[in-house]
Amino acid sequence: MIIRECRQIADKADKIGDHGTNDMVVSDVLRANELQAWFVSEHLVETPLVHASAEPTMNAAD
């Protein structure tokens, strides 16, 4: 919701030539929230569980 609103505000500010508002919204608000959304989504991705075996693994030198 914040990201969508920021994009609309930035677009409107760009259309009316308010470059200061556009820069502030994009740089300070939008980028930070997009980074947080990306960070959370990366941690919510389902990953397969790793099962360790009791057998030793072979080294590259073997």
N, C-alpha and C. Protein backbone atom coordinates (compact mmCIF):
# COMPACT_ATOMS: atom_id res chain seq x y z
N MET A 1 0.82 -1.18 0.00
CA MET A 1 0.00 0.00 0.00
C MET A 1 0.88 1.26 0.00
N ILE A 2 1.90 1.28 0.83
CA ILE A 2 2.79 2.44 0.87
C ILE A 2 3.53 2.58 -0.45
N ILE A 3 3.99 1.47 -1.00
CA ILE A 3 4.74 1.51 -2.26
C ILE A 3 3.85 2.04 -3.38
N ARG A 4 2.62 1.56 -3.45
CA ARG A 4 1.69 2.00 -4.50
C ARG A 4 1.42 3.50 -4.38
N GLU A 5 1.16 3.97 -3.16
CA GLU A 5 0.90 5.39 -2.94
C GLU A 5 2.12 6.23 -3.29
N CYS A 6 3.30 5.77 -2.92
CA CYS A 6 4.53 6.50 -3.23
C CYS A 6 4.73 6.64 -4.73
N ARG A 7 4.46 5.57 -5.45
CA ARG A 7 4.60 5.63 -6.91
C ARG A 7 3.62 6.63 -7.51
N GLN A 8 2.39 6.67 -6.99
CA GLN A 8 1.40 7.62 -7.49
C GLN A 8 1.82 9.06 -7.17
N ILE A 9 2.30 9.28 -5.96
CA ILE A 9 2.75 10.62 -5.57
C ILE A 9 3.94 11.04 -6.41
N ALA A 10 4.90 10.14 -6.61
CA ALA A 10 6.08 10.46 -7.41
C ALA A 10 5.70 10.76 -8.85
N ASP A 11 4.77 10.00 -9.40
CA ASP A 11 4.31 10.22 -10.78
C ASP A 11 3.62 11.58 -10.90
N LYS A 12 2.76 11.89 -9.94
CA LYS A 12 2.04 13.17 -9.97
C LYS A 12 3.03 14.33 -9.82
N ALA A 13 3.99 14.20 -8.91
CA ALA A 13 4.99 15.25 -8.71
C ALA A 13 5.83 15.45 -9.96
N ASP A 14 6.16 14.36 -10.64
CA ASP A 14 6.94 14.44 -11.88
C ASP A 14 6.15 15.16 -12.96
N LYS A 15 4.86 14.85 -13.07
CA LYS A 15 4.01 15.46 -14.11
C LYS A 15 3.85 16.96 -13.92
N ILE A 16 3.82 17.43 -12.66
CA ILE A 16 3.67 18.86 -12.43
C ILE A 16 5.02 19.58 -12.31
N GLY A 17 6.10 18.82 -12.43
CA GLY A 17 7.43 19.42 -12.42
C GLY A 17 8.01 19.66 -11.03
N ASP A 18 7.45 19.04 -10.02
CA ASP A 18 7.96 19.20 -8.65
C ASP A 18 9.05 18.15 -8.41
N HIS A 19 10.24 18.47 -8.87
CA HIS A 19 11.34 17.52 -8.82
C HIS A 19 11.83 17.24 -7.40
N GLY A 20 11.71 18.21 -6.52
CA GLY A 20 12.13 18.02 -5.13
C GLY A 20 11.27 16.99 -4.42
N THR A 21 9.96 17.10 -4.59
CA THR A 21 9.04 16.12 -3.97
C THR A 21 9.25 14.75 -4.57
N ASN A 22 9.39 14.70 -5.89
CA ASN A 22 9.62 13.42 -6.58
C ASN A 22 10.88 12.76 -6.04
N ASP A 23 11.96 13.52 -5.94
CA ASP A 23 13.23 12.97 -5.46
C ASP A 23 13.11 12.49 -4.01
N MET A 24 12.43 13.27 -3.16
CA MET A 24 12.28 12.88 -1.76
C MET A 24 11.45 11.61 -1.63
N VAL A 25 10.35 11.54 -2.36
CA VAL A 25 9.47 10.36 -2.27
C VAL A 25 10.19 9.12 -2.78
N VAL A 26 10.84 9.24 -3.93
CA VAL A 26 11.51 8.08 -4.52
C VAL A 26 12.73 7.68 -3.69
N SER A 27 13.57 8.63 -3.34
CA SER A 27 14.82 8.31 -2.65
C SER A 27 14.63 7.90 -1.20
N ASP A 28 13.82 8.63 -0.47
CA ASP A 28 13.71 8.40 0.97
C ASP A 28 12.62 7.41 1.37
N VAL A 29 11.55 7.37 0.63
CA VAL A 29 10.42 6.53 1.04
C VAL A 29 10.30 5.28 0.19
N LEU A 30 10.22 5.45 -1.11
CA LEU A 30 9.96 4.31 -2.00
C LEU A 30 11.08 3.28 -1.97
N ARG A 31 12.31 3.72 -2.12
CA ARG A 31 13.42 2.76 -2.16
C ARG A 31 13.55 1.98 -0.85
N ALA A 32 13.39 2.66 0.26
CA ALA A 32 13.49 1.97 1.56
C ALA A 32 12.40 0.92 1.72
N ASN A 33 11.18 1.25 1.32
CA ASN A 33 10.08 0.31 1.45
C ASN A 33 10.20 -0.84 0.45
N GLU A 34 10.68 -0.57 -0.75
CA GLU A 34 10.90 -1.65 -1.71
C GLU A 34 11.98 -2.61 -1.20
N LEU A 35 13.02 -2.07 -0.59
CA LEU A 35 14.08 -2.91 -0.03
C LEU A 35 13.53 -3.79 1.10
N GLN A 36 12.71 -3.21 1.96
CA GLN A 36 12.12 -3.99 3.05
C GLN A 36 11.19 -5.08 2.51
N ALA A 37 10.40 -4.74 1.50
CA ALA A 37 9.49 -5.73 0.91
C ALA A 37 10.28 -6.87 0.28
N TRP A 38 11.37 -6.53 -0.41
CA TRP A 38 12.21 -7.57 -1.02
C TRP A 38 12.83 -8.46 0.06
N PHE A 39 13.35 -7.84 1.12
CA PHE A 39 14.01 -8.58 2.19
C PHE A 39 13.05 -9.57 2.84
N VAL A 40 11.85 -9.12 3.15
CA VAL A 40 10.86 -10.00 3.78
C VAL A 40 10.44 -11.11 2.83
N SER A 41 10.21 -10.77 1.56
CA SER A 41 9.76 -11.79 0.60
C SER A 41 10.83 -12.85 0.38
N GLU A 42 12.09 -12.48 0.43
CA GLU A 42 13.16 -13.47 0.28
C GLU A 42 13.20 -14.45 1.45
N HIS A 43 12.78 -14.01 2.61
CA HIS A 43 12.77 -14.88 3.78
C HIS A 43 11.50 -15.72 3.87
N LEU A 44 10.51 -15.41 3.07
CA LEU A 44 9.27 -16.17 3.08
C LEU A 44 9.21 -17.22 1.98
N VAL A 45 10.24 -17.26 1.14
CA VAL A 45 10.28 -18.22 0.04
C VAL A 45 10.48 -19.62 0.61
N GLU A 46 9.68 -20.57 0.13
CA GLU A 46 9.83 -21.94 0.59
C GLU A 46 11.10 -22.54 0.03
N THR A 47 11.92 -23.07 0.90
CA THR A 47 13.15 -23.73 0.47
C THR A 47 13.13 -25.17 0.96
N PRO A 48 13.68 -26.07 0.19
CA PRO A 48 13.68 -27.47 0.62
C PRO A 48 14.59 -27.67 1.83
N LEU A 49 14.19 -28.57 2.69
CA LEU A 49 15.02 -28.89 3.85
C LEU A 49 16.21 -29.72 3.42
N VAL A 50 17.31 -29.55 4.09
CA VAL A 50 18.51 -30.32 3.80
C VAL A 50 18.60 -31.44 4.83
N HIS A 51 18.76 -32.66 4.36
CA HIS A 51 18.90 -33.80 5.25
C HIS A 51 20.36 -34.24 5.24
N ALA A 52 20.97 -34.21 6.41
CA ALA A 52 22.37 -34.63 6.52
C ALA A 52 22.41 -36.14 6.67
N SER A 53 23.38 -36.74 6.02
CA SER A 53 23.54 -38.19 6.15
C SER A 53 24.66 -38.48 7.15
N ALA A 54 24.65 -39.69 7.67
CA ALA A 54 25.66 -40.09 8.64
C ALA A 54 26.96 -40.48 7.95
N GLU A 55 26.90 -40.69 6.64
CA GLU A 55 28.09 -41.09 5.90
C GLU A 55 28.96 -39.88 5.62
N PRO A 56 30.28 -40.05 5.73
CA PRO A 56 31.17 -38.92 5.43
C PRO A 56 31.16 -38.63 3.92
N THR A 57 31.35 -37.38 3.59
CA THR A 57 31.41 -37.01 2.18
C THR A 57 32.83 -37.15 1.67
N MET A 58 32.98 -37.32 0.38
CA MET A 58 34.31 -37.47 -0.21
C MET A 58 34.89 -36.09 -0.49
N ASN A 59 36.17 -35.93 -0.23
CA ASN A 59 36.87 -34.69 -0.53
C ASN A 59 37.27 -34.68 -1.99
N ALA A 60 37.54 -33.51 -2.51
CA ALA A 60 37.97 -33.38 -3.90
C ALA A 60 39.33 -34.06 -4.13
N ALA A 61 40.15 -34.14 -3.08
CA ALA A 61 41.48 -34.74 -3.21
C ALA A 61 41.41 -36.26 -3.26
N ASP A 62 40.31 -36.87 -2.82
CA ASP A 62 40.20 -38.33 -2.80
C ASP A 62 39.92 -38.90 -4.17
